[in-house]
C-alpha cells in the first residue's frame, strides 16, 4: 500500500529536520561533501523520473541539483583556490549546461555523465578531509 500524503509529508519534514541538524553540526569540509551528496541524490531521482515519465519530479530534481551546483560555484574562493577553483568553476558550468540539456531532451545519460563528474570531484574532496 502506498503511503498517504500526510505520511509522506511527515517523512519529508523528518528528513529536512535531520539534514538541518546535521548541517548545523558539520564542519565546512563536511558541508561541501553533503552538498555533493545532495546533487547526486537529486540526479538519481531525476534519472529515475525520466524513466517513469514523471515530468514534475524530473523538473523539481534537476532544478534542485542545479541550485546546489550553482551554490558550489558561488562559494568557490578564486583568490585562495587559484587554478583549482578556476577548473572547478568550469566543471560546474559544464555540469549546469548538461543538466539543462538533459532536462530539455529527457536525457538520462547526460544526467549520468554529470553524476560521474560529481562523484569524481566528491571522491577527491573526501580524500582531503582535515584530520579531527
C-alpha atoms as a PDB file:
ATOM      1  CA  UNK A   1       0.000   0.000   0.000  1.00  0.00           C
ATOM      2  CA  UNK A   2       1.340   3.450  -0.921  1.00  0.00           C
ATOM      3  CA  UNK A   3       1.993   5.871   1.938  1.00  0.00           C
ATOM      4  CA  UNK A   4      -0.576   8.588   2.470  1.00  0.00           C
ATOM      5  CA  UNK A   5       0.156  12.189   1.568  1.00  0.00           C
ATOM      6  CA  UNK A   6       0.325  13.072   5.280  1.00  0.00           C
ATOM      7  CA  UNK A   7       2.746  10.229   5.932  1.00  0.00           C
ATOM      8  CA  UNK A   8       4.963  11.325   3.034  1.00  0.00           C
ATOM      9  CA  UNK A   9       4.872  14.919   4.299  1.00  0.00           C
ATOM     10  CA  UNK A  10       5.918  13.785   7.789  1.00  0.00           C
ATOM     11  CA  UNK A  11       8.808  11.798   6.321  1.00  0.00           C
ATOM     12  CA  UNK A  12       9.971  14.820   4.282  1.00  0.00           C
ATOM     13  CA  UNK A  13       9.749  17.015   7.390  1.00  0.00           C
ATOM     14  CA  UNK A  14      11.767  14.491   9.406  1.00  0.00           C
ATOM     15  CA  UNK A  15      14.360  14.219   6.645  1.00  0.00           C
ATOM     16  CA  UNK A  16      14.623  18.008   6.284  1.00  0.00           C
ATOM     17  CA  UNK A  17      14.905  18.471  10.054  1.00  0.00           C
ATOM     18  CA  UNK A  18      17.537  15.742  10.368  1.00  0.00           C
ATOM     19  CA  UNK A  19      19.531  17.233   7.479  1.00  0.00           C
ATOM     20  CA  UNK A  20      19.377  20.688   9.032  1.00  0.00           C
ATOM     21  CA  UNK A  21      20.580  19.341  12.373  1.00  0.00           C
ATOM     22  CA  UNK A  22      23.484  17.536  10.698  1.00  0.00           C
ATOM     23  CA  UNK A  23      24.393  20.683   8.765  1.00  0.00           C
ATOM     24  CA  UNK A  24      24.420  22.739  11.973  1.00  0.00           C
ATOM     25  CA  UNK A  25      26.996  20.386  13.482  1.00  0.00           C
ATOM     26  CA  UNK A  26      29.080  19.724  10.360  1.00  0.00           C
ATOM     27  CA  UNK A  27      32.484  21.189   9.577  1.00  0.00           C
ATOM     28  CA  UNK A  28      32.805  23.353   6.453  1.00  0.00           C
ATOM     29  CA  UNK A  29      34.510  20.416   4.734  1.00  0.00           C
ATOM     30  CA  UNK A  30      31.647  18.088   5.629  1.00  0.00           C
ATOM     31  CA  UNK A  31      29.089  20.652   4.426  1.00  0.00           C
ATOM     32  CA  UNK A  32      30.611  20.627   0.932  1.00  0.00           C
ATOM     33  CA  UNK A  33      30.559  16.834   0.965  1.00  0.00           C
ATOM     34  CA  UNK A  34      26.880  16.955   1.942  1.00  0.00           C
ATOM     35  CA  UNK A  35      26.198  19.301  -0.978  1.00  0.00           C
ATOM     36  CA  UNK A  36      27.820  16.824  -3.361  1.00  0.00           C
ATOM     37  CA  UNK A  37      25.664  14.070  -1.840  1.00  0.00           C
ATOM     38  CA  UNK A  38      22.600  16.233  -2.408  1.00  0.00           C
ATOM     39  CA  UNK A  39      23.450  16.748  -6.079  1.00  0.00           C
ATOM     40  CA  UNK A  40      23.987  13.018  -6.569  1.00  0.00           C
ATOM     41  CA  UNK A  41      20.727  12.154  -4.824  1.00  0.00           C
ATOM     42  CA  UNK A  42      18.729  14.612  -6.906  1.00  0.00           C
ATOM     43  CA  UNK A  43      20.335  13.479 -10.161  1.00  0.00           C
ATOM     44  CA  UNK A  44      19.474   9.866  -9.345  1.00  0.00           C
ATOM     45  CA  UNK A  45      15.891  10.898  -8.615  1.00  0.00           C
ATOM     46  CA  UNK A  46      15.716  12.834 -11.896  1.00  0.00           C
ATOM     47  CA  UNK A  47      17.090   9.894 -13.874  1.00  0.00           C
ATOM     48  CA  UNK A  48      14.504   7.620 -12.319  1.00  0.00           C
ATOM     49  CA  UNK A  49      11.765  10.168 -13.038  1.00  0.00           C
ATOM     50  CA  UNK A  50      12.787  10.309 -16.698  1.00  0.00           C
ATOM     51  CA  UNK A  51      12.433   6.527 -16.857  1.00  0.00           C
ATOM     52  CA  UNK A  52       8.921   6.777 -15.391  1.00  0.00           C
ATOM     53  CA  UNK A  53       7.960   9.833 -17.500  1.00  0.00           C
ATOM     54  CA  UNK A  54       7.324  11.723 -14.248  1.00  0.00           C
ATOM     55  CA  UNK A  55       7.859  15.265 -15.509  1.00  0.00           C
ATOM     56  CA  UNK A  56       7.109  17.015 -12.218  1.00  0.00           C
ATOM     57  CA  UNK A  57       9.680  15.022 -10.236  1.00  0.00           C
ATOM     58  CA  UNK A  58      12.240  15.342 -13.040  1.00  0.00           C
ATOM     59  CA  UNK A  59      11.867  19.116 -13.141  1.00  0.00           C
ATOM     60  CA  UNK A  60      11.962  19.504  -9.363  1.00  0.00           C
ATOM     61  CA  UNK A  61      15.010  17.239  -9.008  1.00  0.00           C
ATOM     62  CA  UNK A  62      17.031  18.779 -11.835  1.00  0.00           C
ATOM     63  CA  UNK A  63      16.208  22.288 -10.629  1.00  0.00           C
ATOM     64  CA  UNK A  64      17.306  21.406  -7.109  1.00  0.00           C
ATOM     65  CA  UNK A  65      20.546  19.794  -8.349  1.00  0.00           C
ATOM     66  CA  UNK A  66      21.259  22.887 -10.431  1.00  0.00           C
ATOM     67  CA  UNK A  67      20.685  25.164  -7.439  1.00  0.00           C
ATOM     68  CA  UNK A  68      23.195  23.183  -5.394  1.00  0.00           C
ATOM     69  CA  UNK A  69      25.802  23.234  -8.166  1.00  0.00           C
ATOM     70  CA  UNK A  70      25.276  26.969  -8.593  1.00  0.00           C
ATOM     71  CA  UNK A  71      25.810  27.398  -4.847  1.00  0.00           C
ATOM     72  CA  UNK A  72      29.037  25.376  -5.093  1.00  0.00           C
ATOM     73  CA  UNK A  73      30.155  27.758  -7.853  1.00  0.00           C
ATOM     74  CA  UNK A  74      29.316  30.857  -5.832  1.00  0.00           C
ATOM     75  CA  UNK A  75      31.261  29.751  -2.754  1.00  0.00           C
ATOM     76  CA  UNK A  76      34.458  28.969  -4.675  1.00  0.00           C
ATOM     77  CA  UNK A  77      37.344  31.021  -3.315  1.00  0.00           C
ATOM     78  CA  UNK A  78      39.087  32.051  -6.533  1.00  0.00           C
ATOM     79  CA  UNK A  79      41.772  34.004  -4.711  1.00  0.00           C
ATOM     80  CA  UNK A  80      42.880  31.152  -2.442  1.00  0.00           C
ATOM     81  CA  UNK A  81      41.940  28.363  -4.862  1.00  0.00           C
ATOM     82  CA  UNK A  82      43.744  29.690  -7.920  1.00  0.00           C
ATOM     83  CA  UNK A  83      43.801  27.290 -10.840  1.00  0.00           C
ATOM     84  CA  UNK A  84      41.875  24.601  -8.961  1.00  0.00           C
ATOM     85  CA  UNK A  85      38.989  26.999  -8.276  1.00  0.00           C
ATOM     86  CA  UNK A  86      39.075  28.089 -11.913  1.00  0.00           C
ATOM     87  CA  UNK A  87      38.835  24.476 -13.099  1.00  0.00           C
ATOM     88  CA  UNK A  88      36.055  23.636 -10.645  1.00  0.00           C
ATOM     89  CA  UNK A  89      34.150  26.691 -11.839  1.00  0.00           C
ATOM     90  CA  UNK A  90      34.447  25.460 -15.429  1.00  0.00           C
ATOM     91  CA  UNK A  91      33.359  21.963 -14.406  1.00  0.00           C
ATOM     92  CA  UNK A  92      30.341  23.315 -12.530  1.00  0.00           C
ATOM     93  CA  UNK A  93      29.408  25.474 -15.533  1.00  0.00           C
ATOM     94  CA  UNK A  94      29.639  22.398 -17.787  1.00  0.00           C
ATOM     95  CA  UNK A  95      27.511  20.378 -15.348  1.00  0.00           C
ATOM     96  CA  UNK A  96      24.867  23.109 -15.355  1.00  0.00           C
ATOM     97  CA  UNK A  97      24.790  23.151 -19.168  1.00  0.00           C
ATOM     98  CA  UNK A  98      24.483  19.352 -19.331  1.00  0.00           C
ATOM     99  CA  UNK A  99      21.669  19.341 -16.771  1.00  0.00           C
ATOM    100  CA  UNK A 100      19.835  21.988 -18.799  1.00  0.00           C
ATOM    101  CA  UNK A 101      20.268  19.897 -21.949  1.00  0.00           C
ATOM    102  CA  UNK A 102      19.198  16.731 -20.127  1.00  0.00           C
ATOM    103  CA  UNK A 103      16.099  18.479 -18.852  1.00  0.00           C
ATOM    104  CA  UNK A 104      15.095  19.680 -22.322  1.00  0.00           C
ATOM    105  CA  UNK A 105      15.754  16.330 -24.013  1.00  0.00           C
ATOM    106  CA  UNK A 106      14.790  13.935 -21.182  1.00  0.00           C
ATOM    107  CA  UNK A 107      18.345  12.610 -21.431  1.00  0.00           C
ATOM    108  CA  UNK A 108      19.097  10.317 -18.503  1.00  0.00           C
ATOM    109  CA  UNK A 109      22.549   9.577 -19.968  1.00  0.00           C
ATOM    110  CA  UNK A 110      23.520  13.257 -19.692  1.00  0.00           C
ATOM    111  CA  UNK A 111      22.487  13.178 -16.033  1.00  0.00           C
ATOM    112  CA  UNK A 112      24.552  10.016 -15.548  1.00  0.00           C
ATOM    113  CA  UNK A 113      27.522  11.869 -17.059  1.00  0.00           C
ATOM    114  CA  UNK A 114      27.083  14.735 -14.598  1.00  0.00           C
ATOM    115  CA  UNK A 115      26.739  12.240 -11.733  1.00  0.00           C
ATOM    116  CA  UNK A 116      30.042  10.659 -12.745  1.00  0.00           C
ATOM    117  CA  UNK A 117      31.764  14.039 -12.768  1.00  0.00           C
ATOM    118  CA  UNK A 118      30.359  14.993  -9.374  1.00  0.00           C
ATOM    119  CA  UNK A 119      31.290  11.581  -7.919  1.00  0.00           C
ATOM    120  CA  UNK A 120      34.871  12.075  -9.094  1.00  0.00           C
ATOM    121  CA  UNK A 121      35.083  15.528  -7.515  1.00  0.00           C
ATOM    122  CA  UNK A 122      33.425  14.292  -4.315  1.00  0.00           C
ATOM    123  CA  UNK A 123      35.836  11.373  -4.086  1.00  0.00           C
ATOM    124  CA  UNK A 124      38.792  13.747  -4.294  1.00  0.00           C
ATOM    125  CA  UNK A 125      37.163  16.122  -1.815  1.00  0.00           C
ATOM    126  CA  UNK A 126      36.523  13.333   0.684  1.00  0.00           C
ATOM    127  CA  UNK A 127      40.155  12.199   0.443  1.00  0.00           C
ATOM    128  CA  UNK A 128      41.418  15.599   1.576  1.00  0.00           C
ATOM    129  CA  UNK A 129      39.272  15.680   4.693  1.00  0.00           C
ATOM    130  CA  UNK A 130      41.042  17.524   7.504  1.00  0.00           C
ATOM    131  CA  UNK A 131      42.214  15.481  10.476  1.00  0.00           C
ATOM    132  CA  UNK A 132      39.968  15.780  13.508  1.00  0.00           C
END
